[in-house]
Amino acid sequence: MIAVAVALGLAAEIWFFPRYVSPITCVLYAIVVEAIRRLRAWAPGQRRSGLLLSRAAPMICTSIVLIVAAGRSLGLNPVTVSALELVAPPYGRQDRAALQKPLDQLPGGQLVRVRYSRHHNVHVEWVYNDADIDAAKVV
């Protein structure tokens, strides 16, 4: 009932962040443990296939986590940025820095217009201006 109440509360939110679910982490773990316990007891046709599945589930989840971690350590990240369709690096905005470097070397101030595609991830931002916009080299 707690998980349903929280899910309904989160459905009312416009933006979702994982930290919103963190207070009910223990409830989610309890649901997963109970599901695995019931799966373990499942025996269709007097075969203990539930036992096999209950032992395989943690191994499959661990394998997925290891594959994702290995991919991220190699610099692979499935997030795409803006209409340029560049692969976002795991740390920092190196792509944006690479575009700004030649602009910094041009004489005078530079104004860059950015138009995001409709598939743009709002959590991966490219537009950052200096605190003093009037004195900034690139806006």
C-alpha atoms as a PDB file:
ATOM      1  CA  MET A   1       0.000   0.000   0.000  1.00  0.00           C
ATOM      2  CA  ILE A   2       2.912   2.317   0.736  1.00  0.00           C
ATOM      3  CA  ALA A   3       4.424   1.730  -2.713  1.00  0.00           C
ATOM      4  CA  VAL A   4       1.059   2.411  -4.394  1.00  0.00           C
ATOM      5  CA  ALA A   5       0.595   5.625  -2.399  1.00  0.00           C
ATOM      6  CA  VAL A   6       4.079   6.832  -3.330  1.00  0.00           C
ATOM      7  CA  ALA A   7       3.553   5.875  -6.996  1.00  0.00           C
ATOM      8  CA  LEU A   8       0.356   7.923  -7.076  1.00  0.00           C
ATOM      9  CA  GLY A   9       2.161  10.838  -5.450  1.00  0.00           C
ATOM     10  CA  LEU A  10       4.995  10.637  -7.975  1.00  0.00           C
ATOM     11  CA  ALA A  11       2.481  10.523 -10.827  1.00  0.00           C
ATOM     12  CA  ALA A  12       1.400  14.034  -9.838  1.00  0.00           C
ATOM     13  CA  GLU A  13       4.962  15.364 -10.216  1.00  0.00           C
ATOM     14  CA  ILE A  14       5.992  16.982 -13.480  1.00  0.00           C
ATOM     15  CA  TRP A  15       9.721  16.206 -13.102  1.00  0.00           C
ATOM     16  CA  PHE A  16      11.005  12.930 -11.700  1.00  0.00           C
ATOM     17  CA  PHE A  17      14.305  12.475  -9.919  1.00  0.00           C
ATOM     18  CA  PRO A  18      15.499   9.169  -8.390  1.00  0.00           C
ATOM     19  CA  ARG A  19      15.943  10.831  -5.023  1.00  0.00           C
ATOM     20  CA  TYR A  20      12.151  11.119  -4.779  1.00  0.00           C
ATOM     21  CA  VAL A  21      11.932   7.323  -4.433  1.00  0.00           C
ATOM     22  CA  SER A  22      14.796   6.955  -1.961  1.00  0.00           C
ATOM     23  CA  PRO A  23      12.580   7.150   1.172  1.00  0.00           C
ATOM     24  CA  ILE A  24      10.764   3.979   0.128  1.00  0.00           C
ATOM     25  CA  THR A  25      13.840   1.981  -0.906  1.00  0.00           C
ATOM     26  CA  CYS A  26      13.264  -0.450   1.951  1.00  0.00           C
ATOM     27  CA  VAL A  27       9.694  -1.036   0.741  1.00  0.00           C
ATOM     28  CA  LEU A  28      10.934  -1.779  -2.783  1.00  0.00           C
ATOM     29  CA  TYR A  29      13.532  -4.207  -1.415  1.00  0.00           C
ATOM     30  CA  ALA A  30      10.838  -5.936   0.643  1.00  0.00           C
ATOM     31  CA  ILE A  31       8.676  -6.337  -2.476  1.00  0.00           C
ATOM     32  CA  VAL A  32      11.592  -7.815  -4.455  1.00  0.00           C
ATOM     33  CA  VAL A  33      12.556 -10.218  -1.647  1.00  0.00           C
ATOM     34  CA  GLU A  34       8.945 -11.370  -1.257  1.00  0.00           C
ATOM     35  CA  ALA A  35       8.637 -11.858  -5.029  1.00  0.00           C
ATOM     36  CA  ILE A  36      11.777 -14.012  -5.097  1.00  0.00           C
ATOM     37  CA  ARG A  37      10.544 -15.988  -2.073  1.00  0.00           C
ATOM     38  CA  ARG A  38       7.234 -16.729  -3.820  1.00  0.00           C
ATOM     39  CA  LEU A  39       9.027 -17.534  -7.070  1.00  0.00           C
ATOM     40  CA  ARG A  40      11.198 -20.048  -5.201  1.00  0.00           C
ATOM     41  CA  ALA A  41       8.108 -21.906  -3.977  1.00  0.00           C
ATOM     42  CA  TRP A  42       6.521 -21.980  -7.440  1.00  0.00           C
ATOM     43  CA  ALA A  43       6.449 -25.528  -8.838  1.00  0.00           C
ATOM     44  CA  PRO A  44       4.254 -25.957 -11.937  1.00  0.00           C
ATOM     45  CA  GLY A  45       3.675 -29.597 -12.830  1.00  0.00           C
ATOM     46  CA  GLN A  46       5.698 -30.819  -9.816  1.00  0.00           C
ATOM     47  CA  ARG A  47       8.882 -29.362 -11.340  1.00  0.00           C
ATOM     48  CA  ARG A  48      10.855 -26.935  -9.232  1.00  0.00           C
ATOM     49  CA  SER A  49      11.439 -24.428 -12.019  1.00  0.00           C
ATOM     50  CA  GLY A  50      10.748 -21.591  -9.576  1.00  0.00           C
ATOM     51  CA  LEU A  51      13.846 -22.628  -7.612  1.00  0.00           C
ATOM     52  CA  LEU A  52      15.984 -22.297 -10.731  1.00  0.00           C
ATOM     53  CA  LEU A  53      14.462 -18.915 -11.607  1.00  0.00           C
ATOM     54  CA  SER A  54      14.882 -17.588  -8.066  1.00  0.00           C
ATOM     55  CA  ARG A  55      18.568 -18.479  -8.176  1.00  0.00           C
ATOM     56  CA  ALA A  56      19.035 -17.086 -11.692  1.00  0.00           C
ATOM     57  CA  ALA A  57      17.357 -13.702 -11.053  1.00  0.00           C
ATOM     58  CA  PRO A  58      20.110 -12.230  -8.810  1.00  0.00           C
ATOM     59  CA  MET A  59      22.816 -13.516 -11.160  1.00  0.00           C
ATOM     60  CA  ILE A  60      21.103 -11.917 -14.176  1.00  0.00           C
ATOM     61  CA  CYS A  61      20.711  -8.590 -12.343  1.00  0.00           C
ATOM     62  CA  THR A  62      24.351  -8.671 -11.259  1.00  0.00           C
ATOM     63  CA  SER A  63      25.445  -9.418 -14.833  1.00  0.00           C
ATOM     64  CA  ILE A  64      23.457  -6.462 -16.162  1.00  0.00           C
ATOM     65  CA  VAL A  65      24.989  -4.126 -13.564  1.00  0.00           C
ATOM     66  CA  LEU A  66      28.499  -5.345 -14.438  1.00  0.00           C
ATOM     67  CA  ILE A  67      27.892  -4.887 -18.177  1.00  0.00           C
ATOM     68  CA  VAL A  68      26.595  -1.338 -17.682  1.00  0.00           C
ATOM     69  CA  ALA A  69      29.500  -0.481 -15.372  1.00  0.00           C
ATOM     70  CA  ALA A  70      32.013  -1.866 -17.884  1.00  0.00           C
ATOM     71  CA  GLY A  71      30.402   0.136 -20.697  1.00  0.00           C
ATOM     72  CA  ARG A  72      30.505   3.343 -18.692  1.00  0.00           C
ATOM     73  CA  SER A  73      34.134   2.777 -17.728  1.00  0.00           C
ATOM     74  CA  LEU A  74      34.902   2.506 -21.457  1.00  0.00           C
ATOM     75  CA  GLY A  75      33.168   5.835 -22.050  1.00  0.00           C
ATOM     76  CA  LEU A  76      29.967   4.450 -23.546  1.00  0.00           C
ATOM     77  CA  ASN A  77      26.821   6.296 -22.533  1.00  0.00           C
ATOM     78  CA  PRO A  78      23.500   5.931 -24.378  1.00  0.00           C
ATOM     79  CA  VAL A  79      22.438   9.551 -23.742  1.00  0.00           C
ATOM     80  CA  THR A  80      22.355  11.656 -26.898  1.00  0.00           C
ATOM     81  CA  VAL A  81      22.686  15.420 -26.864  1.00  0.00           C
ATOM     82  CA  SER A  82      20.735  17.980 -28.935  1.00  0.00           C
ATOM     83  CA  ALA A  83      20.249  17.807 -32.684  1.00  0.00           C
ATOM     84  CA  LEU A  84      23.949  17.037 -33.165  1.00  0.00           C
ATOM     85  CA  GLU A  85      23.323  13.474 -31.943  1.00  0.00           C
ATOM     86  CA  LEU A  86      26.663  13.344 -30.154  1.00  0.00           C
ATOM     87  CA  VAL A  87      27.185  10.702 -27.499  1.00  0.00           C
ATOM     88  CA  ALA A  88      27.395  12.379 -24.113  1.00  0.00           C
ATOM     89  CA  PRO A  89      30.637  11.689 -22.259  1.00  0.00           C
ATOM     90  CA  PRO A  90      30.271  10.205 -18.785  1.00  0.00           C
ATOM     91  CA  TYR A  91      31.820  13.203 -17.006  1.00  0.00           C
ATOM     92  CA  GLY A  92      31.628  16.876 -17.940  1.00  0.00           C
ATOM     93  CA  ARG A  93      30.746  18.548 -21.204  1.00  0.00           C
ATOM     94  CA  GLN A  94      33.795  17.883 -23.383  1.00  0.00           C
ATOM     95  CA  ASP A  95      31.665  18.115 -26.562  1.00  0.00           C
ATOM     96  CA  ARG A  96      30.507  21.608 -25.662  1.00  0.00           C
ATOM     97  CA  ALA A  97      34.057  22.626 -24.742  1.00  0.00           C
ATOM     98  CA  ALA A  98      35.314  21.377 -28.116  1.00  0.00           C
ATOM     99  CA  LEU A  99      32.754  23.594 -29.879  1.00  0.00           C
ATOM    100  CA  GLN A 100      33.501  26.634 -27.726  1.00  0.00           C
ATOM    101  CA  LYS A 101      37.306  26.515 -28.082  1.00  0.00           C
ATOM    102  CA  PRO A 102      37.421  27.798 -31.712  1.00  0.00           C
ATOM    103  CA  LEU A 103      34.816  30.449 -30.851  1.00  0.00           C
ATOM    104  CA  ASP A 104      37.026  31.776 -28.069  1.00  0.00           C
ATOM    105  CA  GLN A 105      39.845  32.312 -30.592  1.00  0.00           C
ATOM    106  CA  LEU A 106      37.750  34.454 -32.957  1.00  0.00           C
ATOM    107  CA  PRO A 107      38.000  38.237 -32.613  1.00  0.00           C
ATOM    108  CA  GLY A 108      35.152  40.072 -30.874  1.00  0.00           C
ATOM    109  CA  GLY A 109      32.181  38.663 -29.052  1.00  0.00           C
ATOM    110  CA  GLN A 110      30.330  35.622 -30.363  1.00  0.00           C
ATOM    111  CA  LEU A 111      26.616  34.886 -30.117  1.00  0.00           C
ATOM    112  CA  VAL A 112      25.615  31.245 -30.528  1.00  0.00           C
ATOM    113  CA  ARG A 113      22.014  30.267 -31.087  1.00  0.00           C
ATOM    114  CA  VAL A 114      21.137  26.810 -29.780  1.00  0.00           C
ATOM    115  CA  ARG A 115      18.052  24.971 -30.911  1.00  0.00           C
ATOM    116  CA  TYR A 116      17.293  21.663 -29.247  1.00  0.00           C
ATOM    117  CA  SER A 117      15.533  18.849 -31.016  1.00  0.00           C
ATOM    118  CA  ARG A 118      12.226  17.643 -29.660  1.00  0.00           C
ATOM    119  CA  HIS A 119      14.039  14.527 -28.391  1.00  0.00           C
ATOM    120  CA  HIS A 120      16.442  16.589 -26.257  1.00  0.00           C
ATOM    121  CA  ASN A 121      17.076  15.304 -22.750  1.00  0.00           C
ATOM    122  CA  VAL A 122      16.433  18.282 -20.451  1.00  0.00           C
ATOM    123  CA  HIS A 123      18.894  16.887 -17.914  1.00  0.00           C
ATOM    124  CA  VAL A 124      21.825  17.155 -20.364  1.00  0.00           C
ATOM    125  CA  GLU A 125      22.239  20.882 -20.891  1.00  0.00           C
ATOM    126  CA  TRP A 126      24.548  22.703 -23.307  1.00  0.00           C
ATOM    127  CA  VAL A 127      23.734  26.339 -22.589  1.00  0.00           C
ATOM    128  CA  TYR A 128      25.872  27.775 -19.792  1.00  0.00           C
ATOM    129  CA  ASN A 129      26.699  31.475 -19.773  1.00  0.00           C
ATOM    130  CA  ASP A 130      29.213  33.344 -17.652  1.00  0.00           C
ATOM    131  CA  ALA A 131      27.875  35.257 -14.665  1.00  0.00           C
ATOM    132  CA  ASP A 132      28.697  38.561 -16.403  1.00  0.00           C
ATOM    133  CA  ILE A 133      27.009  38.022 -19.783  1.00  0.00           C
ATOM    134  CA  ASP A 134      27.932  41.512 -21.044  1.00  0.00           C
ATOM    135  CA  ALA A 135      31.649  40.803 -20.636  1.00  0.00           C
ATOM    136  CA  ALA A 136      31.519  37.191 -21.848  1.00  0.00           C
ATOM    137  CA  LYS A 137      33.441  36.260 -25.013  1.00  0.00           C
ATOM    138  CA  VAL A 138      30.834  33.662 -26.067  1.00  0.00           C
ATOM    139  CA  VAL A 139      27.148  33.878 -25.184  1.00  0.00           C
END
